[in-house]
Protein backbone atom coordinates (compact mmCIF):
# COMPACT_ATOMS: atom_id res chain seq x y z
CA UNK A 1 -8.19 24.00 -59.42
CA UNK A 2 -10.90 21.70 -60.05
CA UNK A 3 -12.36 19.21 -57.45
CA UNK A 4 -11.35 21.39 -54.34
CA UNK A 5 -14.15 22.74 -52.25
CA UNK A 6 -14.71 26.43 -52.41
CA UNK A 7 -13.08 28.31 -49.47
CA UNK A 8 -15.55 28.99 -46.73
CA UNK A 9 -16.51 32.49 -46.16
CA UNK A 10 -16.05 34.08 -42.67
CA UNK A 11 -19.86 34.11 -42.23
CA UNK A 12 -20.24 30.40 -43.22
CA UNK A 13 -22.92 28.98 -40.79
CA UNK A 14 -21.49 25.49 -40.99
CA UNK A 15 -18.04 26.58 -39.95
CA UNK A 16 -19.38 28.68 -37.10
CA UNK A 17 -21.35 25.71 -35.91
CA UNK A 18 -18.31 23.35 -36.05
CA UNK A 19 -16.31 26.01 -34.09
CA UNK A 20 -19.04 26.10 -31.40
CA UNK A 21 -19.08 22.33 -31.08
CA UNK A 22 -15.30 22.24 -30.88
CA UNK A 23 -15.18 24.87 -28.18
CA UNK A 24 -17.83 22.84 -26.13
CA UNK A 25 -15.89 19.79 -26.24
CA UNK A 26 -12.69 21.54 -25.33
CA UNK A 27 -14.43 23.13 -22.33
CA UNK A 28 -15.75 19.65 -21.29
CA UNK A 29 -12.20 18.17 -21.45
CA UNK A 30 -10.80 21.07 -19.41
CA UNK A 31 -13.45 20.64 -16.76
CA UNK A 32 -12.82 17.04 -16.47
CA UNK A 33 -9.10 17.64 -15.91
CA UNK A 34 -9.90 20.26 -13.27
CA UNK A 35 -12.34 17.88 -11.63
CA UNK A 36 -9.80 15.06 -11.52
CA UNK A 37 -7.18 17.37 -10.06
CA UNK A 38 -9.49 18.59 -7.39
CA UNK A 39 -10.69 14.96 -6.60
CA UNK A 40 -7.02 13.87 -6.12
CA UNK A 41 -6.13 16.73 -3.94
CA UNK A 42 -9.23 16.27 -1.70
CA UNK A 43 -8.54 12.42 -1.48
CA UNK A 44 -4.95 13.15 -0.61
CA UNK A 45 -5.65 15.67 2.06
CA UNK A 46 -8.77 13.79 3.47
CA UNK A 47 -7.21 10.35 3.63
CA UNK A 48 -3.62 11.72 4.39
CA UNK A 49 -2.02 8.65 2.88
CA UNK A 50 1.21 10.38 1.83
CA UNK A 51 3.16 11.04 3.73
CA UNK A 52 2.32 9.28 6.94
CA UNK A 53 1.03 11.37 9.73
CA UNK A 54 3.85 10.46 12.05
CA UNK A 55 7.42 9.99 10.66
CA UNK A 56 9.45 7.36 12.50
CA UNK A 57 13.07 6.74 11.80
CA UNK A 58 15.18 3.82 12.26
CA UNK A 59 18.91 3.01 11.66
CA UNK A 60 18.89 0.31 8.89
CA UNK A 61 22.51 -0.76 9.81
CA UNK A 62 21.38 -1.84 13.35
CA UNK A 63 17.93 -3.37 12.78
CA UNK A 64 18.87 -6.90 13.82
CA UNK A 65 20.99 -5.86 16.76
CA UNK A 66 19.16 -3.22 18.63
CA UNK A 67 15.65 -1.58 18.83
CA UNK A 68 12.11 -2.48 17.93
CA UNK A 69 13.08 -4.72 14.91
CA UNK A 70 15.49 -7.15 16.62
CA UNK A 71 14.82 -10.84 15.50
CA UNK A 72 13.12 -11.78 18.74
CA UNK A 73 10.66 -8.96 18.44
CA UNK A 74 9.52 -9.85 14.84
CA UNK A 75 6.12 -11.35 14.29
CA UNK A 76 2.71 -10.92 15.70
CA UNK A 77 2.17 -9.75 19.34
CA UNK A 78 -0.94 -9.05 21.22
CA UNK A 79 -0.98 -5.58 22.87
CA UNK A 80 -2.58 -4.80 26.29
CA UNK A 81 -5.44 -2.99 24.61
CA UNK A 82 -6.36 -6.13 22.72
CA UNK A 83 -5.12 -5.06 19.32
CA UNK A 84 -2.46 -6.86 17.48
CA UNK A 85 1.00 -5.54 16.35
CA UNK A 86 2.90 -7.14 13.40
CA UNK A 87 6.56 -6.15 13.13
CA UNK A 88 8.42 -7.19 9.86
CA UNK A 89 11.42 -6.48 7.91
CA UNK A 90 11.77 -6.51 4.15
CA UNK A 91 15.27 -7.49 2.91
CA UNK A 92 16.70 -8.89 -0.28
CA UNK A 93 14.95 -11.16 -1.10
CA UNK A 94 12.70 -12.16 1.73
CA UNK A 95 10.39 -10.90 4.44
CA UNK A 96 11.09 -11.71 8.14
CA UNK A 97 8.99 -13.36 9.26
CA UNK A 98 8.24 -15.13 5.98
CA UNK A 99 4.72 -15.96 7.19
CA UNK A 100 2.47 -13.71 9.44
CA UNK A 101 -0.48 -14.95 11.45
CA UNK A 102 -3.35 -12.35 12.56
CA UNK A 103 -6.70 -12.78 14.07
CA UNK A 104 -10.11 -11.96 12.61
CA UNK A 105 -12.21 -9.14 14.10
CA UNK A 106 -9.30 -7.36 15.63
CA UNK A 107 -7.35 -4.20 14.85
CA UNK A 108 -3.96 -5.14 13.36
CA UNK A 109 -1.12 -2.59 13.22
CA UNK A 110 1.54 -3.52 10.83
CA UNK A 111 4.89 -1.90 11.46
CA UNK A 112 7.65 -2.72 8.90
CA UNK A 113 10.88 -1.42 7.55
CA UNK A 114 13.72 -2.26 5.19
CA UNK A 115 17.39 -2.87 5.96
CA UNK A 116 18.87 -2.52 2.44
CA UNK A 117 16.65 -1.17 -0.50
CA UNK A 118 13.06 -0.05 -1.14
CA UNK A 119 10.68 -2.96 -0.97
CA UNK A 120 6.83 -3.17 -1.43
CA UNK A 121 4.50 -4.53 1.27
CA UNK A 122 1.24 -5.61 -0.29
CA UNK A 123 -1.32 -8.14 1.07
CA UNK A 124 -3.32 -9.53 -1.82
CA UNK A 125 -7.05 -9.19 -1.53
CA UNK A 126 -6.82 -6.26 0.75
CA UNK A 127 -6.16 -2.53 0.61
CA UNK A 128 -2.87 -3.04 2.56
CA UNK A 129 -0.15 -1.53 0.29
CA UNK A 130 2.90 0.39 1.39
CA UNK A 131 6.53 0.85 0.57
CA UNK A 132 9.38 -0.19 2.91
CA UNK A 133 12.07 2.37 2.75
CA UNK A 134 15.51 1.96 4.53
CA UNK A 135 15.63 4.30 7.57
CA UNK A 136 11.82 4.79 7.92
CA UNK A 137 9.08 2.84 9.66
CA UNK A 138 6.01 2.22 7.52
CA UNK A 139 2.72 1.66 9.35
CA UNK A 140 -0.58 0.44 8.26
CA UNK A 141 -3.72 -0.67 10.19
CA UNK A 142 -6.23 -3.24 9.08
CA UNK A 143 -9.02 -5.42 10.42
CA UNK A 144 -9.94 -8.69 8.70
CA UNK A 145 -13.47 -9.93 8.97
CA UNK A 146 -13.00 -13.54 7.61
CA UNK A 147 -10.26 -16.13 7.76
CA UNK A 148 -7.97 -16.02 4.58
CA UNK A 149 -4.60 -16.96 3.44
CA UNK A 150 -3.07 -14.24 1.33
CA UNK A 151 0.16 -13.85 -0.66
CA UNK A 152 2.40 -10.92 0.42
CA UNK A 153 4.64 -10.21 -2.55
CA UNK A 154 7.27 -7.36 -2.79
CA UNK A 155 5.88 -5.06 -5.45
CA UNK A 156 8.87 -2.72 -5.82
CA UNK A 157 11.78 -3.93 -7.92
CA UNK A 158 14.44 -4.63 -5.38
CA UNK A 159 17.05 -6.56 -7.52
CA UNK A 160 17.65 -9.71 -9.42
CA UNK A 161 15.86 -11.87 -6.91
CA UNK A 162 12.83 -9.74 -6.75
CA UNK A 163 10.51 -12.18 -8.38
CA UNK A 164 11.04 -14.73 -5.54
CA UNK A 165 10.32 -12.21 -2.73
CA UNK A 166 7.04 -13.46 -1.46
CA UNK A 167 5.60 -13.86 1.96
CA UNK A 168 2.27 -15.15 3.36
CA UNK A 169 -0.48 -13.71 5.74
CA UNK A 170 -2.74 -16.19 7.42
CA UNK A 171 -5.90 -14.69 9.06
CA UNK A 172 -7.30 -17.26 11.52
CA UNK A 173 -10.37 -17.25 13.71
CA UNK A 174 -9.91 -14.95 16.75
CA UNK A 175 -10.55 -17.76 19.24
CA UNK A 176 -7.93 -20.00 17.61
CA UNK A 177 -5.44 -17.04 17.62
CA UNK A 178 -5.95 -16.28 21.35
CA UNK A 179 -5.40 -20.03 22.10
CA UNK A 180 -2.05 -19.83 20.14
CA UNK A 181 -1.04 -16.39 21.75
CA UNK A 182 -1.78 -17.78 25.31
CA UNK A 183 1.65 -19.42 25.61
CA UNK A 184 3.84 -17.44 23.18
CA UNK A 185 5.10 -13.86 23.22
CA UNK A 186 5.38 -13.60 19.40
CA UNK A 187 3.61 -15.62 16.77
CA UNK A 188 4.38 -16.59 13.16
CA UNK A 189 2.97 -19.25 10.90
CA UNK A 190 5.84 -21.55 11.61
CA UNK A 191 5.34 -21.72 15.43
């Protein structure tokens, strides 16, 4: 056969060199994969993001009638220790309350659940991102340093009206919030 390169001999230095380079790169790829697995495991254990440290259950059939998530208990409330707790429900195809107001420079505890299907709870521009699962209470804690107004979209597909499931979070100055909270038990943006 003309034009074909001669077969390399088992002692061909070029073939041995190529084989060494190939083994080095394969070793580098394996080390990168091992590093990523270890990094993910350490981050998961250290930050304990999934599952939550404390599992809290709620009956999704009775959310609006009894317990923590009745209609009059939804929204933002100031706690005796000075922190703020926000209670919300995700339901097809809205959040209740639709707009949440919280203060700056204060620890804010978000407590939310779903009464029907899995929803997403995400506040744009922050690291708050959790799933609302029927029967479970999702919790997250945040502290906002500056006043902002952020969208709160559902990021888990929940049905045909999913694209219209948006809420809003208004972070206002702490003094203005305290003035609003002085004469109301629960706050929302529509108060």
